[in-house]
Amino acid sequence: MLISDIIHNHGETFTGEYRLNSPLLHYTKYGNPYITFDLCDMSGSIKSYLWLDCNEEPPEFTDGDRVSVTAQLRFFNGTWIANIKMSIGFEN
């Protein structure tokens, strides 16, 4: 699904293949790791979050990595974001 075709409803799930832009590893105030990045395609981009288990080794992403994801939309602080539910085939 293209970014521009996503129906912006809170809780809506979408699946597609995208490129990553600006992946950054962060930690919550409780020490839980997560990665932020923009999912991008030819039609646009959306800020995204990949939440990791504390015991999980964070993947090493670089700009332009290609990924197939299933994500859930959330309206947060006046903007739409995507919470990644499942990722398959992270590759360069």
N, C-alpha and C. Protein backbone atom coordinates (compact mmCIF):
# COMPACT_ATOMS: atom_id res chain seq x y z
N MET A 1 0.85 -1.17 0.00
CA MET A 1 0.00 0.00 0.00
C MET A 1 0.89 1.24 0.00
N LEU A 2 0.58 2.18 -0.84
CA LEU A 2 1.32 3.44 -0.86
C LEU A 2 0.99 4.28 0.37
N ILE A 3 1.95 5.05 0.82
CA ILE A 3 1.73 5.94 1.97
C ILE A 3 0.53 6.86 1.70
N SER A 4 0.42 7.37 0.49
CA SER A 4 -0.68 8.29 0.17
C SER A 4 -2.05 7.61 0.18
N ASP A 5 -2.08 6.27 0.08
CA ASP A 5 -3.35 5.54 0.06
C ASP A 5 -3.81 5.09 1.45
N ILE A 6 -2.99 5.32 2.47
CA ILE A 6 -3.36 4.91 3.82
C ILE A 6 -4.57 5.71 4.28
N ILE A 7 -5.57 5.01 4.79
CA ILE A 7 -6.76 5.67 5.33
C ILE A 7 -6.45 6.03 6.77
N HIS A 8 -6.49 7.32 7.07
CA HIS A 8 -6.08 7.80 8.39
C HIS A 8 -7.20 7.66 9.42
N ASN A 9 -7.32 6.46 9.95
CA ASN A 9 -8.22 6.15 11.05
C ASN A 9 -7.38 5.57 12.18
N HIS A 10 -7.59 6.08 13.39
CA HIS A 10 -6.85 5.58 14.55
C HIS A 10 -7.06 4.07 14.66
N GLY A 11 -5.96 3.32 14.77
CA GLY A 11 -6.04 1.87 14.90
C GLY A 11 -6.05 1.12 13.58
N GLU A 12 -6.14 1.83 12.47
CA GLU A 12 -6.14 1.19 11.14
C GLU A 12 -4.80 0.49 10.90
N THR A 13 -4.84 -0.71 10.36
CA THR A 13 -3.64 -1.47 10.06
C THR A 13 -3.36 -1.40 8.57
N PHE A 14 -2.06 -1.30 8.21
CA PHE A 14 -1.67 -1.32 6.80
C PHE A 14 -0.42 -2.16 6.63
N THR A 15 -0.21 -2.63 5.42
CA THR A 15 0.93 -3.46 5.08
C THR A 15 1.52 -2.95 3.78
N GLY A 16 2.85 -2.98 3.69
CA GLY A 16 3.49 -2.56 2.45
C GLY A 16 4.99 -2.69 2.50
N GLU A 17 5.62 -2.34 1.38
CA GLU A 17 7.08 -2.32 1.27
C GLU A 17 7.54 -0.89 1.16
N TYR A 18 8.52 -0.53 1.98
CA TYR A 18 8.96 0.85 2.09
C TYR A 18 10.47 0.93 2.23
N ARG A 19 10.98 2.14 2.14
CA ARG A 19 12.39 2.43 2.45
C ARG A 19 12.42 3.13 3.80
N LEU A 20 13.51 2.91 4.56
CA LEU A 20 13.70 3.57 5.85
C LEU A 20 14.51 4.84 5.66
N ASN A 21 14.15 5.85 6.41
CA ASN A 21 14.89 7.10 6.40
C ASN A 21 15.15 7.52 7.84
N SER A 22 16.38 7.86 8.15
CA SER A 22 16.81 8.38 9.46
C SER A 22 16.49 7.45 10.63
N PRO A 23 16.91 6.17 10.58
CA PRO A 23 16.66 5.29 11.72
C PRO A 23 17.54 5.69 12.92
N LEU A 24 16.90 5.79 14.09
CA LEU A 24 17.61 6.17 15.32
C LEU A 24 17.16 5.28 16.48
N LEU A 25 18.12 4.76 17.23
CA LEU A 25 17.83 3.96 18.41
C LEU A 25 17.63 4.88 19.60
N HIS A 26 16.55 4.64 20.36
CA HIS A 26 16.23 5.42 21.57
C HIS A 26 15.93 4.45 22.71
N TYR A 27 15.84 5.01 23.91
CA TYR A 27 15.43 4.24 25.08
C TYR A 27 14.39 5.03 25.85
N THR A 28 13.35 4.33 26.34
CA THR A 28 12.35 4.98 27.18
C THR A 28 12.97 5.30 28.53
N LYS A 29 12.25 6.05 29.35
CA LYS A 29 12.78 6.38 30.68
C LYS A 29 12.92 5.13 31.55
N TYR A 30 12.31 4.02 31.12
CA TYR A 30 12.42 2.75 31.84
C TYR A 30 13.49 1.85 31.24
N GLY A 31 14.21 2.35 30.23
CA GLY A 31 15.29 1.60 29.62
C GLY A 31 14.90 0.66 28.49
N ASN A 32 13.66 0.74 28.03
CA ASN A 32 13.21 -0.12 26.94
C ASN A 32 13.63 0.48 25.60
N PRO A 33 14.22 -0.34 24.72
CA PRO A 33 14.70 0.19 23.43
C PRO A 33 13.58 0.29 22.39
N TYR A 34 13.70 1.30 21.54
CA TYR A 34 12.83 1.43 20.38
C TYR A 34 13.58 2.19 19.30
N ILE A 35 13.14 2.02 18.08
CA ILE A 35 13.78 2.67 16.94
C ILE A 35 12.75 3.53 16.23
N THR A 36 13.13 4.76 15.94
CA THR A 36 12.28 5.65 15.14
C THR A 36 12.88 5.78 13.75
N PHE A 37 12.01 5.94 12.78
CA PHE A 37 12.43 6.17 11.39
C PHE A 37 11.22 6.62 10.60
N ASP A 38 11.45 7.12 9.42
CA ASP A 38 10.37 7.43 8.49
C ASP A 38 10.25 6.27 7.53
N LEU A 39 9.02 5.78 7.35
CA LEU A 39 8.73 4.85 6.27
C LEU A 39 8.45 5.70 5.04
N CYS A 40 9.10 5.42 3.93
CA CYS A 40 8.97 6.27 2.74
C CYS A 40 8.69 5.42 1.50
N ASP A 41 7.94 6.03 0.59
CA ASP A 41 7.80 5.50 -0.75
C ASP A 41 7.67 6.70 -1.69
N MET A 42 7.37 6.43 -2.96
CA MET A 42 7.32 7.52 -3.94
C MET A 42 6.18 8.50 -3.68
N SER A 43 5.23 8.13 -2.80
CA SER A 43 4.08 9.00 -2.56
C SER A 43 4.16 9.82 -1.28
N GLY A 44 5.15 9.51 -0.40
CA GLY A 44 5.25 10.26 0.85
C GLY A 44 5.99 9.49 1.93
N SER A 45 5.80 9.94 3.18
CA SER A 45 6.46 9.29 4.31
C SER A 45 5.59 9.41 5.55
N ILE A 46 5.87 8.55 6.54
CA ILE A 46 5.18 8.59 7.82
C ILE A 46 6.17 8.22 8.92
N LYS A 47 6.16 8.98 10.00
CA LYS A 47 7.01 8.71 11.17
C LYS A 47 6.58 7.38 11.78
N SER A 48 7.57 6.52 12.09
CA SER A 48 7.26 5.18 12.55
C SER A 48 8.10 4.79 13.75
N TYR A 49 7.57 3.86 14.53
CA TYR A 49 8.21 3.38 15.75
C TYR A 49 8.23 1.87 15.75
N LEU A 50 9.40 1.31 16.04
CA LEU A 50 9.56 -0.13 16.20
C LEU A 50 9.95 -0.37 17.65
N TRP A 51 9.04 -0.96 18.43
CA TRP A 51 9.27 -1.21 19.86
C TRP A 51 9.93 -2.57 20.02
N LEU A 52 11.00 -2.62 20.79
CA LEU A 52 11.79 -3.84 20.95
C LEU A 52 11.67 -4.38 22.37
N ASP A 53 11.85 -5.71 22.50
CA ASP A 53 11.94 -6.32 23.83
C ASP A 53 13.26 -5.91 24.47
N CYS A 54 13.27 -5.80 25.79
CA CYS A 54 14.49 -5.44 26.51
C CYS A 54 15.62 -6.42 26.23
N ASN A 55 15.29 -7.70 26.04
CA ASN A 55 16.30 -8.73 25.81
C ASN A 55 16.71 -8.85 24.35
N GLU A 56 16.04 -8.12 23.50
CA GLU A 56 16.27 -8.21 22.06
C GLU A 56 17.41 -7.30 21.63
N GLU A 57 18.30 -7.81 20.81
CA GLU A 57 19.39 -7.01 20.26
C GLU A 57 18.81 -6.11 19.17
N PRO A 58 19.00 -4.79 19.27
CA PRO A 58 18.44 -3.90 18.25
C PRO A 58 19.04 -4.16 16.87
N PRO A 59 18.20 -4.22 15.83
CA PRO A 59 18.73 -4.38 14.48
C PRO A 59 19.51 -3.14 14.06
N GLU A 60 20.46 -3.32 13.18
CA GLU A 60 21.25 -2.20 12.68
C GLU A 60 20.67 -1.77 11.34
N PHE A 61 20.02 -0.62 11.33
CA PHE A 61 19.42 -0.09 10.13
C PHE A 61 20.27 1.04 9.57
N THR A 62 20.18 1.25 8.28
CA THR A 62 20.80 2.40 7.63
C THR A 62 19.78 3.04 6.71
N ASP A 63 20.03 4.29 6.37
CA ASP A 63 19.14 4.98 5.42
C ASP A 63 19.02 4.17 4.14
N GLY A 64 17.80 4.07 3.66
CA GLY A 64 17.56 3.40 2.39
C GLY A 64 17.29 1.92 2.49
N ASP A 65 17.41 1.32 3.69
CA ASP A 65 17.09 -0.10 3.82
C ASP A 65 15.64 -0.31 3.40
N ARG A 66 15.39 -1.44 2.73
CA ARG A 66 14.05 -1.79 2.27
C ARG A 66 13.42 -2.75 3.28
N VAL A 67 12.12 -2.57 3.55
CA VAL A 67 11.45 -3.40 4.55
C VAL A 67 9.99 -3.61 4.15
N SER A 68 9.50 -4.81 4.47
CA SER A 68 8.07 -5.10 4.38
C SER A 68 7.53 -5.07 5.80
N VAL A 69 6.49 -4.30 6.03
CA VAL A 69 5.96 -4.14 7.39
C VAL A 69 4.45 -4.25 7.43
N THR A 70 3.97 -4.60 8.61
CA THR A 70 2.58 -4.41 8.98
C THR A 70 2.61 -3.44 10.15
N ALA A 71 1.82 -2.40 10.05
CA ALA A 71 1.85 -1.34 11.07
C ALA A 71 0.43 -0.89 11.40
N GLN A 72 0.32 -0.25 12.56
CA GLN A 72 -0.96 0.27 13.01
C GLN A 72 -0.85 1.78 13.17
N LEU A 73 -1.83 2.50 12.63
CA LEU A 73 -1.82 3.96 12.72
C LEU A 73 -2.25 4.44 14.10
N ARG A 74 -1.67 5.56 14.48
CA ARG A 74 -2.01 6.20 15.75
C ARG A 74 -1.92 7.71 15.55
N PHE A 75 -2.89 8.44 16.09
CA PHE A 75 -2.84 9.90 16.04
C PHE A 75 -2.23 10.37 17.35
N PHE A 76 -1.06 11.02 17.27
CA PHE A 76 -0.29 11.36 18.47
C PHE A 76 0.29 12.76 18.32
N ASN A 77 0.03 13.62 19.30
CA ASN A 77 0.54 15.00 19.29
C ASN A 77 0.25 15.73 17.98
N GLY A 78 -0.95 15.53 17.46
CA GLY A 78 -1.38 16.27 16.28
C GLY A 78 -0.88 15.74 14.96
N THR A 79 -0.30 14.55 14.95
CA THR A 79 0.19 13.97 13.70
C THR A 79 -0.04 12.47 13.68
N TRP A 80 -0.05 11.90 12.49
CA TRP A 80 -0.21 10.46 12.34
C TRP A 80 1.14 9.78 12.40
N ILE A 81 1.21 8.69 13.17
CA ILE A 81 2.43 7.88 13.25
C ILE A 81 2.05 6.42 13.01
N ALA A 82 3.06 5.60 12.75
CA ALA A 82 2.83 4.17 12.54
C ALA A 82 3.62 3.39 13.58
N ASN A 83 2.95 2.50 14.30
CA ASN A 83 3.60 1.57 15.21
C ASN A 83 3.79 0.26 14.45
N ILE A 84 5.03 -0.14 14.26
CA ILE A 84 5.34 -1.34 13.50
C ILE A 84 4.95 -2.56 14.33
N LYS A 85 4.09 -3.40 13.77
CA LYS A 85 3.64 -4.61 14.45
C LYS A 85 4.46 -5.81 14.04
N MET A 86 4.86 -5.86 12.78
CA MET A 86 5.63 -6.98 12.27
C MET A 86 6.49 -6.49 11.12
N SER A 87 7.71 -6.94 11.10
CA SER A 87 8.61 -6.58 10.00
C SER A 87 9.18 -7.85 9.40
N ILE A 88 9.23 -7.85 8.09
CA ILE A 88 9.74 -9.01 7.37
C ILE A 88 10.72 -8.53 6.31
N GLY A 89 11.83 -9.21 6.20
CA GLY A 89 12.71 -8.96 5.08
C GLY A 89 13.43 -7.65 5.11
N PHE A 90 13.94 -7.23 6.26
CA PHE A 90 14.77 -6.04 6.29
C PHE A 90 16.01 -6.32 5.47
N GLU A 91 16.28 -5.49 4.51
CA GLU A 91 17.46 -5.68 3.67
C GLU A 91 17.88 -4.36 3.04
N ASN A 92 19.11 -4.34 2.55
CA ASN A 92 19.63 -3.14 1.88
C ASN A 92 19.14 -3.06 0.47
